């Protein structure tokens, strides 16, 4: 029997820090962790999806940390309830992913050049 730890870690989604390691592979875009202050959950993945019907992530897929059983079947380790909280967190993750990608392509030390490029568009 699994017991739930009743902590309202998502009371303010903006307080959750998302740390990305951007990956340059065909289907895997990033590995990231969620930091809730004193609790850090590592092992999330952001991957390309073959489906584009998700209104939050479009053609991307957020995979929580998993463990594999003896038959090599993956089982998620972390769950967010209610589902609305998970959807809100996914939106936050996607915003932070966009910021991480922008920062990677337009580093702060080249901020003037990125502004010029954006103005040229």
PDB file of N, CA and C in Angstrom:
ATOM      1  N   UNK A   1       0.839  -1.175   0.000  1.00  0.00           N
ATOM      2  CA  UNK A   1       0.000   0.000   0.000  1.00  0.00           C
ATOM      3  C   UNK A   1       0.891   1.248   0.000  1.00  0.00           C
ATOM      4  N   UNK A   2       0.582   2.172  -0.887  1.00  0.00           N
ATOM      5  CA  UNK A   2       1.340   3.401  -0.999  1.00  0.00           C
ATOM      6  C   UNK A   2       0.650   4.501  -0.215  1.00  0.00           C
ATOM      7  N   UNK A   3       1.418   5.204   0.610  1.00  0.00           N
ATOM      8  CA  UNK A   3       0.870   6.349   1.332  1.00  0.00           C
ATOM      9  C   UNK A   3       1.287   7.622   0.627  1.00  0.00           C
ATOM     10  N   UNK A   4       0.378   8.567   0.586  1.00  0.00           N
ATOM     11  CA  UNK A   4       0.663   9.844  -0.049  1.00  0.00           C
ATOM     12  C   UNK A   4       1.195  10.823   0.979  1.00  0.00           C
ATOM     13  N   UNK A   5       2.195  11.560   0.574  1.00  0.00           N
ATOM     14  CA  UNK A   5       2.724  12.635   1.385  1.00  0.00           C
ATOM     15  C   UNK A   5       1.913  13.874   1.045  1.00  0.00           C
ATOM     16  N   UNK A   6       1.176  14.398   1.985  1.00  0.00           N
ATOM     17  CA  UNK A   6       0.263  15.498   1.716  1.00  0.00           C
ATOM     18  C   UNK A   6       0.972  16.831   1.935  1.00  0.00           C
ATOM     19  N   UNK A   7       1.694  17.264   0.926  1.00  0.00           N
ATOM     20  CA  UNK A   7       2.348  18.562   0.942  1.00  0.00           C
ATOM     21  C   UNK A   7       1.813  19.366  -0.226  1.00  0.00           C
ATOM     22  N   UNK A   8       1.434  20.587   0.024  1.00  0.00           N
ATOM     23  CA  UNK A   8       0.958  21.427  -1.074  1.00  0.00           C
ATOM     24  C   UNK A   8       2.166  22.131  -1.683  1.00  0.00           C
ATOM     25  N   UNK A   9       2.953  21.369  -2.444  1.00  0.00           N
ATOM     26  CA  UNK A   9       4.179  21.900  -3.030  1.00  0.00           C
ATOM     27  C   UNK A   9       3.899  22.847  -4.183  1.00  0.00           C
ATOM     28  N   UNK A  10       2.709  22.811  -4.720  1.00  0.00           N
ATOM     29  CA  UNK A  10       2.384  23.614  -5.893  1.00  0.00           C
ATOM     30  C   UNK A  10       1.454  24.779  -5.563  1.00  0.00           C
ATOM     31  N   UNK A  11       1.478  25.266  -4.335  1.00  0.00           N
ATOM     32  CA  UNK A  11       0.561  26.349  -3.992  1.00  0.00           C
ATOM     33  C   UNK A  11       0.823  27.580  -4.856  1.00  0.00           C
ATOM     34  N   UNK A  12       2.087  27.866  -5.173  1.00  0.00           N
ATOM     35  CA  UNK A  12       2.408  28.946  -6.088  1.00  0.00           C
ATOM     36  C   UNK A  12       3.360  28.387  -7.145  1.00  0.00           C
ATOM     37  N   UNK A  13       2.845  28.103  -8.294  1.00  0.00           N
ATOM     38  CA  UNK A  13       3.615  27.469  -9.367  1.00  0.00           C
ATOM     39  C   UNK A  13       4.850  28.286  -9.728  1.00  0.00           C
ATOM     40  N   UNK A  14       4.745  29.603  -9.681  1.00  0.00           N
ATOM     41  CA  UNK A  14       5.876  30.460 -10.058  1.00  0.00           C
ATOM     42  C   UNK A  14       7.085  30.274  -9.136  1.00  0.00           C
ATOM     43  N   UNK A  15       6.873  29.753  -7.923  1.00  0.00           N
ATOM     44  CA  UNK A  15       7.980  29.524  -6.993  1.00  0.00           C
ATOM     45  C   UNK A  15       8.763  28.254  -7.311  1.00  0.00           C
ATOM     46  N   UNK A  16       8.248  27.423  -8.187  1.00  0.00           N
ATOM     47  CA  UNK A  16       8.925  26.179  -8.542  1.00  0.00           C
ATOM     48  C   UNK A  16       9.999  26.491  -9.573  1.00  0.00           C
ATOM     49  N   UNK A  17      11.237  26.156  -9.224  1.00  0.00           N
ATOM     50  CA  UNK A  17      12.354  26.403 -10.126  1.00  0.00           C
ATOM     51  C   UNK A  17      12.527  25.186 -11.040  1.00  0.00           C
ATOM     52  N   UNK A  18      12.673  25.457 -12.324  1.00  0.00           N
ATOM     53  CA  UNK A  18      12.871  24.399 -13.302  1.00  0.00           C
ATOM     54  C   UNK A  18      14.282  24.557 -13.857  1.00  0.00           C
ATOM     55  N   UNK A  19      15.113  23.518 -13.681  1.00  0.00           N
ATOM     56  CA  UNK A  19      16.499  23.559 -14.156  1.00  0.00           C
ATOM     57  C   UNK A  19      16.643  22.593 -15.322  1.00  0.00           C
ATOM     58  N   UNK A  20      17.049  23.141 -16.479  1.00  0.00           N
ATOM     59  CA  UNK A  20      17.147  22.358 -17.703  1.00  0.00           C
ATOM     60  C   UNK A  20      18.585  22.050 -18.080  1.00  0.00           C
ATOM     61  N   UNK A  21      18.765  20.871 -18.642  1.00  0.00           N
ATOM     62  CA  UNK A  21      19.970  20.525 -19.384  1.00  0.00           C
ATOM     63  C   UNK A  21      19.477  20.258 -20.790  1.00  0.00           C
ATOM     64  N   UNK A  22      19.772  21.186 -21.706  1.00  0.00           N
ATOM     65  CA  UNK A  22      19.307  21.040 -23.081  1.00  0.00           C
ATOM     66  C   UNK A  22      20.120  19.959 -23.776  1.00  0.00           C
ATOM     67  N   UNK A  23      19.435  19.098 -24.501  1.00  0.00           N
ATOM     68  CA  UNK A  23      20.044  17.953 -25.167  1.00  0.00           C
ATOM     69  C   UNK A  23      19.848  18.114 -26.667  1.00  0.00           C
ATOM     70  N   UNK A  24      20.860  17.782 -27.432  1.00  0.00           N
ATOM     71  CA  UNK A  24      20.771  17.891 -28.886  1.00  0.00           C
ATOM     72  C   UNK A  24      20.656  16.497 -29.492  1.00  0.00           C
ATOM     73  N   UNK A  25      19.511  15.864 -29.285  1.00  0.00           N
ATOM     74  CA  UNK A  25      19.236  14.551 -29.857  1.00  0.00           C
ATOM     75  C   UNK A  25      17.921  14.644 -30.624  1.00  0.00           C
ATOM     76  N   UNK A  26      17.689  13.741 -31.568  1.00  0.00           N
ATOM     77  CA  UNK A  26      16.485  13.850 -32.411  1.00  0.00           C
ATOM     78  C   UNK A  26      15.162  13.903 -31.630  1.00  0.00           C
ATOM     79  N   UNK A  27      14.998  13.065 -30.624  1.00  0.00           N
ATOM     80  CA  UNK A  27      13.720  13.037 -29.911  1.00  0.00           C
ATOM     81  C   UNK A  27      13.786  13.606 -28.501  1.00  0.00           C
ATOM     82  N   UNK A  28      14.946  13.611 -27.888  1.00  0.00           N
ATOM     83  CA  UNK A  28      15.102  14.118 -26.522  1.00  0.00           C
ATOM     84  C   UNK A  28      15.594  15.555 -26.579  1.00  0.00           C
ATOM     85  N   UNK A  29      14.778  16.490 -26.072  1.00  0.00           N
ATOM     86  CA  UNK A  29      15.123  17.909 -26.131  1.00  0.00           C
ATOM     87  C   UNK A  29      15.786  18.405 -24.853  1.00  0.00           C
ATOM     88  N   UNK A  30      15.365  17.854 -23.702  1.00  0.00           N
ATOM     89  CA  UNK A  30      15.922  18.329 -22.438  1.00  0.00           C
ATOM     90  C   UNK A  30      15.673  17.319 -21.330  1.00  0.00           C
ATOM     91  N   UNK A  31      16.554  17.372 -20.343  1.00  0.00           N
ATOM     92  CA  UNK A  31      16.365  16.678 -19.073  1.00  0.00           C
ATOM     93  C   UNK A  31      16.261  17.792 -18.047  1.00  0.00           C
ATOM     94  N   UNK A  32      15.318  17.675 -17.106  1.00  0.00           N
ATOM     95  CA  UNK A  32      15.173  18.777 -16.164  1.00  0.00           C
ATOM     96  C   UNK A  32      14.757  18.294 -14.784  1.00  0.00           C
ATOM     97  N   UNK A  33      14.924  19.204 -13.833  1.00  0.00           N
ATOM     98  CA  UNK A  33      14.512  18.932 -12.452  1.00  0.00           C
ATOM     99  C   UNK A  33      13.540  20.010 -12.014  1.00  0.00           C
ATOM    100  N   UNK A  34      12.719  19.674 -11.046  1.00  0.00           N
ATOM    101  CA  UNK A  34      11.798  20.624 -10.428  1.00  0.00           C
ATOM    102  C   UNK A  34      12.252  20.820  -8.987  1.00  0.00           C
ATOM    103  N   UNK A  35      12.509  22.067  -8.619  1.00  0.00           N
ATOM    104  CA  UNK A  35      12.943  22.395  -7.261  1.00  0.00           C
ATOM    105  C   UNK A  35      11.825  23.115  -6.530  1.00  0.00           C
ATOM    106  N   UNK A  36      11.352  22.491  -5.448  1.00  0.00           N
ATOM    107  CA  UNK A  36      10.255  23.020  -4.637  1.00  0.00           C
ATOM    108  C   UNK A  36      10.792  23.618  -3.344  1.00  0.00           C
ATOM    109  N   UNK A  37      11.941  24.265  -3.384  1.00  0.00           N
ATOM    110  CA  UNK A  37      12.551  24.764  -2.157  1.00  0.00           C
ATOM    111  C   UNK A  37      13.453  23.700  -1.576  1.00  0.00           C
ATOM    112  N   UNK A  38      12.996  23.025  -0.535  1.00  0.00           N
ATOM    113  CA  UNK A  38      13.836  22.015   0.114  1.00  0.00           C
ATOM    114  C   UNK A  38      13.724  20.642  -0.544  1.00  0.00           C
ATOM    115  N   UNK A  39      12.872  20.491  -1.543  1.00  0.00           N
ATOM    116  CA  UNK A  39      12.693  19.219  -2.237  1.00  0.00           C
ATOM    117  C   UNK A  39      12.991  19.407  -3.722  1.00  0.00           C
ATOM    118  N   UNK A  40      13.886  18.574  -4.243  1.00  0.00           N
ATOM    119  CA  UNK A  40      14.223  18.612  -5.663  1.00  0.00           C
ATOM    120  C   UNK A  40      13.907  17.255  -6.268  1.00  0.00           C
ATOM    121  N   UNK A  41      13.169  17.259  -7.385  1.00  0.00           N
ATOM    122  CA  UNK A  41      12.821  16.020  -8.077  1.00  0.00           C
ATOM    123  C   UNK A  41      13.509  16.061  -9.439  1.00  0.00           C
ATOM    124  N   UNK A  42      14.442  15.144  -9.646  1.00  0.00           N
ATOM    125  CA  UNK A  42      15.230  15.111 -10.878  1.00  0.00           C
ATOM    126  C   UNK A  42      14.756  13.979 -11.772  1.00  0.00           C
ATOM    127  N   UNK A  43      15.118  14.056 -13.038  1.00  0.00           N
ATOM    128  CA  UNK A  43      14.851  12.965 -13.954  1.00  0.00           C
ATOM    129  C   UNK A  43      13.681  13.169 -14.895  1.00  0.00           C
ATOM    130  N   UNK A  44      13.121  14.377 -14.954  1.00  0.00           N
ATOM    131  CA  UNK A  44      12.065  14.659 -15.929  1.00  0.00           C
ATOM    132  C   UNK A  44      12.701  14.778 -17.310  1.00  0.00           C
ATOM    133  N   UNK A  45      11.933  14.449 -18.342  1.00  0.00           N
ATOM    134  CA  UNK A  45      12.415  14.572 -19.713  1.00  0.00           C
ATOM    135  C   UNK A  45      11.390  15.314 -20.556  1.00  0.00           C
ATOM    136  N   UNK A  46      11.897  16.091 -21.486  1.00  0.00           N
ATOM    137  CA  UNK A  46      11.051  16.756 -22.475  1.00  0.00           C
ATOM    138  C   UNK A  46      11.438  16.171 -23.828  1.00  0.00           C
ATOM    139  N   UNK A  47      10.455  15.528 -24.470  1.00  0.00           N
ATOM    140  CA  UNK A  47      10.717  14.815 -25.711  1.00  0.00           C
ATOM    141  C   UNK A  47       9.752  15.268 -26.798  1.00  0.00           C
ATOM    142  N   UNK A  48      10.151  15.006 -28.037  1.00  0.00           N
ATOM    143  CA  UNK A  48       9.232  15.234 -29.145  1.00  0.00           C
ATOM    144  C   UNK A  48       8.184  14.132 -29.126  1.00  0.00           C
ATOM    145  N   UNK A  49       6.964  14.506 -29.489  1.00  0.00           N
ATOM    146  CA  UNK A  49       5.862  13.549 -29.534  1.00  0.00           C
ATOM    147  C   UNK A  49       5.381  13.405 -30.969  1.00  0.00           C
ATOM    148  N   UNK A  50       4.827  12.249 -31.292  1.00  0.00           N
ATOM    149  CA  UNK A  50       4.256  12.099 -32.631  1.00  0.00           C
ATOM    150  C   UNK A  50       2.851  12.674 -32.700  1.00  0.00           C
ATOM    151  N   UNK A  51       2.309  13.071 -31.549  1.00  0.00           N
ATOM    152  CA  UNK A  51       0.961  13.630 -31.493  1.00  0.00           C
ATOM    153  C   UNK A  51       1.043  15.128 -31.225  1.00  0.00           C
ATOM    154  N   UNK A  52       0.187  15.889 -31.875  1.00  0.00           N
ATOM    155  CA  UNK A  52       0.188  17.341 -31.693  1.00  0.00           C
ATOM    156  C   UNK A  52      -1.120  17.831 -31.094  1.00  0.00           C
ATOM    157  N   UNK A  53      -1.853  16.961 -30.428  1.00  0.00           N
ATOM    158  CA  UNK A  53      -3.180  17.331 -29.962  1.00  0.00           C
ATOM    159  C   UNK A  53      -3.210  17.871 -28.539  1.00  0.00           C
ATOM    160  N   UNK A  54      -2.070  17.938 -27.857  1.00  0.00           N
ATOM    161  CA  UNK A  54      -2.052  18.447 -26.485  1.00  0.00           C
ATOM    162  C   UNK A  54      -2.059  19.974 -26.517  1.00  0.00           C
ATOM    163  N   UNK A  55      -3.069  20.625 -25.946  1.00  0.00           N
ATOM    164  CA  UNK A  55      -3.147  22.084 -26.016  1.00  0.00           C
ATOM    165  C   UNK A  55      -2.049  22.796 -25.223  1.00  0.00           C
ATOM    166  N   UNK A  56      -1.422  22.104 -24.286  1.00  0.00           N
ATOM    167  CA  UNK A  56      -0.381  22.736 -23.467  1.00  0.00           C
ATOM    168  C   UNK A  56       0.992  22.574 -24.098  1.00  0.00           C
ATOM    169  N   UNK A  57       1.352  21.354 -24.442  1.00  0.00           N
ATOM    170  CA  UNK A  57       2.708  21.084 -24.914  1.00  0.00           C
ATOM    171  C   UNK A  57       2.825  20.940 -26.422  1.00  0.00           C
ATOM    172  N   UNK A  58       1.713  20.995 -27.128  1.00  0.00           N
ATOM    173  CA  UNK A  58       1.670  20.824 -28.586  1.00  0.00           C
ATOM    174  C   UNK A  58       2.291  19.481 -28.961  1.00  0.00           C
ATOM    175  N   UNK A  59       3.414  19.509 -29.670  1.00  0.00           N
ATOM    176  CA  UNK A  59       4.026  18.255 -30.134  1.00  0.00           C
ATOM    177  C   UNK A  59       5.170  17.823 -29.221  1.00  0.00           C
ATOM    178  N   UNK A  60       5.126  18.239 -27.975  1.00  0.00           N
ATOM    179  CA  UNK A  60       6.150  17.843 -27.011  1.00  0.00           C
ATOM    180  C   UNK A  60       5.503  17.013 -25.912  1.00  0.00           C
ATOM    181  N   UNK A  61       6.322  16.242 -25.239  1.00  0.00           N
ATOM    182  CA  UNK A  61       5.834  15.306 -24.240  1.00  0.00           C
ATOM    183  C   UNK A  61       6.709  15.403 -23.000  1.00  0.00           C
ATOM    184  N   UNK A  62       6.105  15.686 -21.866  1.00  0.00           N
ATOM    185  CA  UNK A  62       6.826  15.758 -20.595  1.00  0.00           C
ATOM    186  C   UNK A  62       6.695  14.408 -19.905  1.00  0.00           C
ATOM    187  N   UNK A  63       7.845  13.788 -19.627  1.00  0.00           N
ATOM    188  CA  UNK A  63       7.868  12.480 -18.989  1.00  0.00           C
ATOM    189  C   UNK A  63       8.411  12.621 -17.574  1.00  0.00           C
ATOM    190  N   UNK A  64       7.652  12.180 -16.567  1.00  0.00           N
ATOM    191  CA  UNK A  64       8.155  12.245 -15.196  1.00  0.00           C
ATOM    192  C   UNK A  64       9.236  11.182 -14.969  1.00  0.00           C
ATOM    193  N   UNK A  65       9.969  11.279 -13.867  1.00  0.00           N
ATOM    194  CA  UNK A  65      10.947  10.238 -13.549  1.00  0.00           C
ATOM    195  C   UNK A  65      10.257   8.881 -13.444  1.00  0.00           C
ATOM    196  N   UNK A  66      10.937   7.840 -13.898  1.00  0.00           N
ATOM    197  CA  UNK A  66      10.362   6.491 -13.899  1.00  0.00           C
ATOM    198  C   UNK A  66      11.365   5.487 -13.340  1.00  0.00           C
ATOM    199  N   UNK A  67      10.852   4.332 -12.952  1.00  0.00           N
ATOM    200  CA  UNK A  67      11.712   3.187 -12.670  1.00  0.00           C
ATOM    201  C   UNK A  67      11.242   2.047 -13.564  1.00  0.00           C
ATOM    202  N   UNK A  68      12.131   1.131 -13.844  1.00  0.00           N
ATOM    203  CA  UNK A  68      11.822   0.009 -14.725  1.00  0.00           C
ATOM    204  C   UNK A  68      11.751  -1.269 -13.905  1.00  0.00           C
ATOM    205  N   UNK A  69      10.698  -2.050 -14.135  1.00  0.00           N
ATOM    206  CA  UNK A  69      10.570  -3.327 -13.438  1.00  0.00           C
ATOM    207  C   UNK A  69      11.383  -4.397 -14.168  1.00  0.00           C
ATOM    208  N   UNK A  70      11.257  -5.641 -13.738  1.00  0.00           N
ATOM    209  CA  UNK A  70      12.050  -6.729 -14.315  1.00  0.00           C
ATOM    210  C   UNK A  70      11.734  -6.980 -15.782  1.00  0.00           C
ATOM    211  N   UNK A  71      10.528  -6.610 -16.212  1.00  0.00           N
ATOM    212  CA  UNK A  71      10.167  -6.789 -17.618  1.00  0.00           C
ATOM    213  C   UNK A  71      10.506  -5.553 -18.456  1.00  0.00           C
ATOM    214  N   UNK A  72      11.218  -4.604 -17.841  1.00  0.00           N
ATOM    215  CA  UNK A  72      11.648  -3.356 -18.480  1.00  0.00           C
ATOM    216  C   UNK A  72      10.473  -2.424 -18.800  1.00  0.00           C
ATOM    217  N   UNK A  73       9.377  -2.583 -18.081  1.00  0.00           N
ATOM    218  CA  UNK A  73       8.244  -1.679 -18.220  1.00  0.00           C
ATOM    219  C   UNK A  73       8.475  -0.474 -17.311  1.00  0.00           C
ATOM    220  N   UNK A  74       8.236   0.720 -17.842  1.00  0.00           N
ATOM    221  CA  UNK A  74       8.459   1.951 -17.084  1.00  0.00           C
ATOM    222  C   UNK A  74       7.256   2.263 -16.198  1.00  0.00           C
ATOM    223  N   UNK A  75       7.542   2.712 -14.967  1.00  0.00           N
ATOM    224  CA  UNK A  75       6.506   3.108 -14.020  1.00  0.00           C
ATOM    225  C   UNK A  75       6.847   4.501 -13.481  1.00  0.00           C
ATOM    226  N   UNK A  76       5.945   5.481 -13.639  1.00  0.00           N
ATOM    227  CA  UNK A  76       6.205   6.821 -13.110  1.00  0.00           C
ATOM    228  C   UNK A  76       6.389   6.791 -11.592  1.00  0.00           C
ATOM    229  N   UNK A  77       7.278   7.649 -11.115  1.00  0.00           N
ATOM    230  CA  UNK A  77       7.565   7.727  -9.684  1.00  0.00           C
ATOM    231  C   UNK A  77       6.796   8.878  -9.041  1.00  0.00           C
ATOM    232  N   UNK A  78       6.607   9.952  -9.773  1.00  0.00           N
ATOM    233  CA  UNK A  78       6.015  11.172  -9.213  1.00  0.00           C
ATOM    234  C   UNK A  78       4.666  11.433  -9.882  1.00  0.00           C
ATOM    235  N   UNK A  79       3.669  11.746  -9.068  1.00  0.00           N
ATOM    236  CA  UNK A  79       2.319  12.078  -9.549  1.00  0.00           C
ATOM    237  C   UNK A  79       1.896  13.404  -8.940  1.00  0.00           C
ATOM    238  N   UNK A  80       1.138  14.169  -9.689  1.00  0.00           N
ATOM    239  CA  UNK A  80       0.564  15.409  -9.176  1.00  0.00           C
ATOM    240  C   UNK A  80      -0.946  15.280  -9.211  1.00  0.00           C
ATOM    241  N   UNK A  81      -1.560  15.567  -8.088  1.00  0.00           N
ATOM    242  CA  UNK A  81      -3.015  15.546  -7.997  1.00  0.00           C
ATOM    243  C   UNK A  81      -3.476  16.850  -7.374  1.00  0.00           C
ATOM    244  N   UNK A  82      -4.545  17.404  -7.805  1.00  0.00           N
ATOM    245  CA  UNK A  82      -5.427  16.988  -8.887  1.00  0.00           C
ATOM    246  C   UNK A  82      -4.781  17.273 -10.244  1.00  0.00           C
ATOM    247  N   UNK A  83      -5.381  16.751 -11.290  1.00  0.00           N
ATOM    248  CA  UNK A  83      -4.839  16.875 -12.645  1.00  0.00           C
ATOM    249  C   UNK A  83      -4.654  18.339 -13.053  1.00  0.00           C
ATOM    250  N   UNK A  84      -5.495  19.218 -12.554  1.00  0.00           N
ATOM    251  CA  UNK A  84      -5.391  20.638 -12.892  1.00  0.00           C
ATOM    252  C   UNK A  84      -4.058  21.221 -12.435  1.00  0.00           C
ATOM    253  N   UNK A  85      -3.553  20.741 -11.289  1.00  0.00           N
ATOM    254  CA  UNK A  85      -2.246  21.207 -10.800  1.00  0.00           C
ATOM    255  C   UNK A  85      -1.137  20.753 -11.746  1.00  0.00           C
ATOM    256  N   UNK A  86      -1.233  19.525 -12.240  1.00  0.00           N
ATOM    257  CA  UNK A  86      -0.243  19.016 -13.184  1.00  0.00           C
ATOM    258  C   UNK A  86      -0.294  19.823 -14.476  1.00  0.00           C
ATOM    259  N   UNK A  87      -1.485  20.155 -14.960  1.00  0.00           N
ATOM    260  CA  UNK A  87      -1.611  20.966 -16.171  1.00  0.00           C
ATOM    261  C   UNK A  87      -1.001  22.351 -15.967  1.00  0.00           C
ATOM    262  N   UNK A  88      -1.245  22.939 -14.807  1.00  0.00           N
ATOM    263  CA  UNK A  88      -0.675  24.252 -14.491  1.00  0.00           C
ATOM    264  C   UNK A  88       0.857  24.165 -14.442  1.00  0.00           C
ATOM    265  N   UNK A  89       1.365  23.101 -13.856  1.00  0.00           N
ATOM    266  CA  UNK A  89       2.809  22.911 -13.780  1.00  0.00           C
ATOM    267  C   UNK A  89       3.396  22.683 -15.172  1.00  0.00           C
ATOM    268  N   UNK A  90       2.710  21.934 -16.028  1.00  0.00           N
ATOM    269  CA  UNK A  90       3.196  21.731 -17.397  1.00  0.00           C
ATOM    270  C   UNK A  90       3.288  23.056 -18.155  1.00  0.00           C
ATOM    271  N   UNK A  91       2.316  23.936 -17.951  1.00  0.00           N
ATOM    272  CA  UNK A  91       2.384  25.266 -18.590  1.00  0.00           C
ATOM    273  C   UNK A  91       3.623  26.013 -18.116  1.00  0.00           C
ATOM    274  N   UNK A  92       3.863  25.968 -16.805  1.00  0.00           N
ATOM    275  CA  UNK A  92       5.032  26.626 -16.216  1.00  0.00           C
ATOM    276  C   UNK A  92       6.328  26.033 -16.796  1.00  0.00           C
ATOM    277  N   UNK A  93       6.389  24.719 -16.926  1.00  0.00           N
ATOM    278  CA  UNK A  93       7.569  24.054 -17.480  1.00  0.00           C
ATOM    279  C   UNK A  93       7.806  24.509 -18.916  1.00  0.00           C
ATOM    280  N   UNK A  94       6.756  24.611 -19.705  1.00  0.00           N
ATOM    281  CA  UNK A  94       6.905  25.016 -21.104  1.00  0.00           C
ATOM    282  C   UNK A  94       7.394  26.459 -21.225  1.00  0.00           C
ATOM    283  N   UNK A  95       6.921  27.347 -20.347  1.00  0.00           N
ATOM    284  CA  UNK A  95       7.409  28.734 -20.341  1.00  0.00           C
ATOM    285  C   UNK A  95       8.889  28.755 -19.996  1.00  0.00           C
ATOM    286  N   UNK A  96       9.266  27.998 -18.970  1.00  0.00           N
ATOM    287  CA  UNK A  96      10.665  27.963 -18.548  1.00  0.00           C
ATOM    288  C   UNK A  96      11.549  27.308 -19.604  1.00  0.00           C
ATOM    289  N   UNK A  97      11.017  26.326 -20.322  1.00  0.00           N
ATOM    290  CA  UNK A  97      11.779  25.704 -21.414  1.00  0.00           C
ATOM    291  C   UNK A  97      12.035  26.736 -22.508  1.00  0.00           C
ATOM    292  N   UNK A  98      11.021  27.500 -22.868  1.00  0.00           N
ATOM    293  CA  UNK A  98      11.195  28.548 -23.866  1.00  0.00           C
ATOM    294  C   UNK A  98      12.256  29.554 -23.450  1.00  0.00           C
ATOM    295  N   UNK A  99      12.263  29.925 -22.169  1.00  0.00           N
ATOM    296  CA  UNK A  99      13.282  30.850 -21.660  1.00  0.00           C
ATOM    297  C   UNK A  99      14.675  30.229 -21.729  1.00  0.00           C
ATOM    298  N   UNK A 100      14.787  28.939 -21.408  1.00  0.00           N
ATOM    299  CA  UNK A 100      16.088  28.259 -21.460  1.00  0.00           C
ATOM    300  C   UNK A 100      16.606  28.171 -22.886  1.00  0.00           C
ATOM    301  N   UNK A 101      15.723  27.900 -23.831  1.00  0.00           N
ATOM    302  CA  UNK A 101      16.130  27.838 -25.233  1.00  0.00           C
ATOM    303  C   UNK A 101      16.567  29.214 -25.704  1.00  0.00           C
ATOM    304  N   UNK A 102      15.792  30.250 -25.363  1.00  0.00           N
ATOM    305  CA  UNK A 102      16.161  31.616 -25.744  1.00  0.00           C
ATOM    306  C   UNK A 102      17.517  31.997 -25.169  1.00  0.00           C
ATOM    307  N   UNK A 103      17.740  31.644 -23.912  1.00  0.00           N
ATOM    308  CA  UNK A 103      19.002  31.974 -23.257  1.00  0.00           C
ATOM    309  C   UNK A 103      20.160  31.225 -23.921  1.00  0.00           C
ATOM    310  N   UNK A 104      19.904  30.005 -24.362  1.00  0.00           N
ATOM    311  CA  UNK A 104      20.940  29.219 -25.031  1.00  0.00           C
ATOM    312  C   UNK A 104      21.285  29.814 -26.394  1.00  0.00           C
ATOM    313  N   UNK A 105      20.274  30.258 -27.129  1.00  0.00           N
ATOM    314  CA  UNK A 105      20.517  30.830 -28.451  1.00  0.00           C
ATOM    315  C   UNK A 105      20.904  32.295 -28.410  1.00  0.00           C
ATOM    316  N   UNK A 106      20.456  32.999 -27.382  1.00  0.00           N
ATOM    317  CA  UNK A 106      20.759  34.413 -27.232  1.00  0.00           C
ATOM    318  C   UNK A 106      21.337  34.649 -25.837  1.00  0.00           C
ATOM    319  N   UNK A 107      22.601  34.263 -25.605  1.00  0.00           N
ATOM    320  CA  UNK A 107      23.177  34.440 -24.267  1.00  0.00           C
ATOM    321  C   UNK A 107      23.170  35.904 -23.847  1.00  0.00           C
ATOM    322  N   UNK A 108      23.162  36.126 -22.533  1.00  0.00           N
ATOM    323  CA  UNK A 108      23.066  37.487 -21.992  1.00  0.00           C
ATOM    324  C   UNK A 108      24.221  38.367 -22.452  1.00  0.00           C
ATOM    325  N   UNK A 109      25.422  37.795 -22.639  1.00  0.00           N
ATOM    326  CA  UNK A 109      26.556  38.621 -23.050  1.00  0.00           C
ATOM    327  C   UNK A 109      26.414  39.103 -24.498  1.00  0.00           C
ATOM    328  N   UNK A 110      25.495  38.508 -25.273  1.00  0.00           N
ATOM    329  CA  UNK A 110      25.213  38.951 -26.633  1.00  0.00           C
ATOM    330  C   UNK A 110      23.825  39.578 -26.722  1.00  0.00           C
ATOM    331  N   UNK A 111      23.368  40.158 -25.620  1.00  0.00           N
ATOM    332  CA  UNK A 111      22.000  40.681 -25.572  1.00  0.00           C
ATOM    333  C   UNK A 111      21.755  41.746 -26.632  1.00  0.00           C
ATOM    334  N   UNK A 112      22.752  42.616 -26.868  1.00  0.00           N
ATOM    335  CA  UNK A 112      22.557  43.668 -27.868  1.00  0.00           C
ATOM    336  C   UNK A 112      22.339  43.076 -29.253  1.00  0.00           C
ATOM    337  N   UNK A 113      23.076  42.021 -29.600  1.00  0.00           N
ATOM    338  CA  UNK A 113      22.917  41.371 -30.904  1.00  0.00           C
ATOM    339  C   UNK A 113      21.556  40.712 -31.030  1.00  0.00           C
ATOM    340  N   UNK A 114      21.074  40.078 -29.947  1.00  0.00           N
ATOM    341  CA  UNK A 114      19.769  39.422 -30.017  1.00  0.00           C
ATOM    342  C   UNK A 114      18.668  40.455 -30.206  1.00  0.00           C
ATOM    343  N   UNK A 115      18.800  41.612 -29.570  1.00  0.00           N
ATOM    344  CA  UNK A 115      17.805  42.666 -29.763  1.00  0.00           C
ATOM    345  C   UNK A 115      17.802  43.135 -31.227  1.00  0.00           C
ATOM    346  N   UNK A 116      18.993  43.281 -31.795  1.00  0.00           N
ATOM    347  CA  UNK A 116      19.078  43.678 -33.201  1.00  0.00           C
ATOM    348  C   UNK A 116      18.421  42.643 -34.092  1.00  0.00           C
ATOM    349  N   UNK A 117      18.669  41.366 -33.817  1.00  0.00           N
ATOM    350  CA  UNK A 117      18.090  40.300 -34.633  1.00  0.00           C
ATOM    351  C   UNK A 117      16.562  40.286 -34.524  1.00  0.00           C
ATOM    352  N   UNK A 118      16.047  40.484 -33.304  1.00  0.00           N
ATOM    353  CA  UNK A 118      14.602  40.492 -33.114  1.00  0.00           C
ATOM    354  C   UNK A 118      13.969  41.683 -33.787  1.00  0.00           C
ATOM    355  N   UNK A 119      14.638  42.837 -33.734  1.00  0.00           N
ATOM    356  CA  UNK A 119      14.103  44.028 -34.377  1.00  0.00           C
ATOM    357  C   UNK A 119      14.096  43.899 -35.895  1.00  0.00           C
ATOM    358  N   UNK A 120      15.024  43.112 -36.447  1.00  0.00           N
ATOM    359  CA  UNK A 120      15.107  42.931 -37.900  1.00  0.00           C
ATOM    360  C   UNK A 120      13.981  42.042 -38.431  1.00  0.00           C
ATOM    361  N   UNK A 121      13.369  41.283 -37.557  1.00  0.00           N
ATOM    362  CA  UNK A 121      12.305  40.360 -38.000  1.00  0.00           C
ATOM    363  C   UNK A 121      11.023  41.109 -38.262  1.00  0.00           C
TER     364      UNK A 121
END
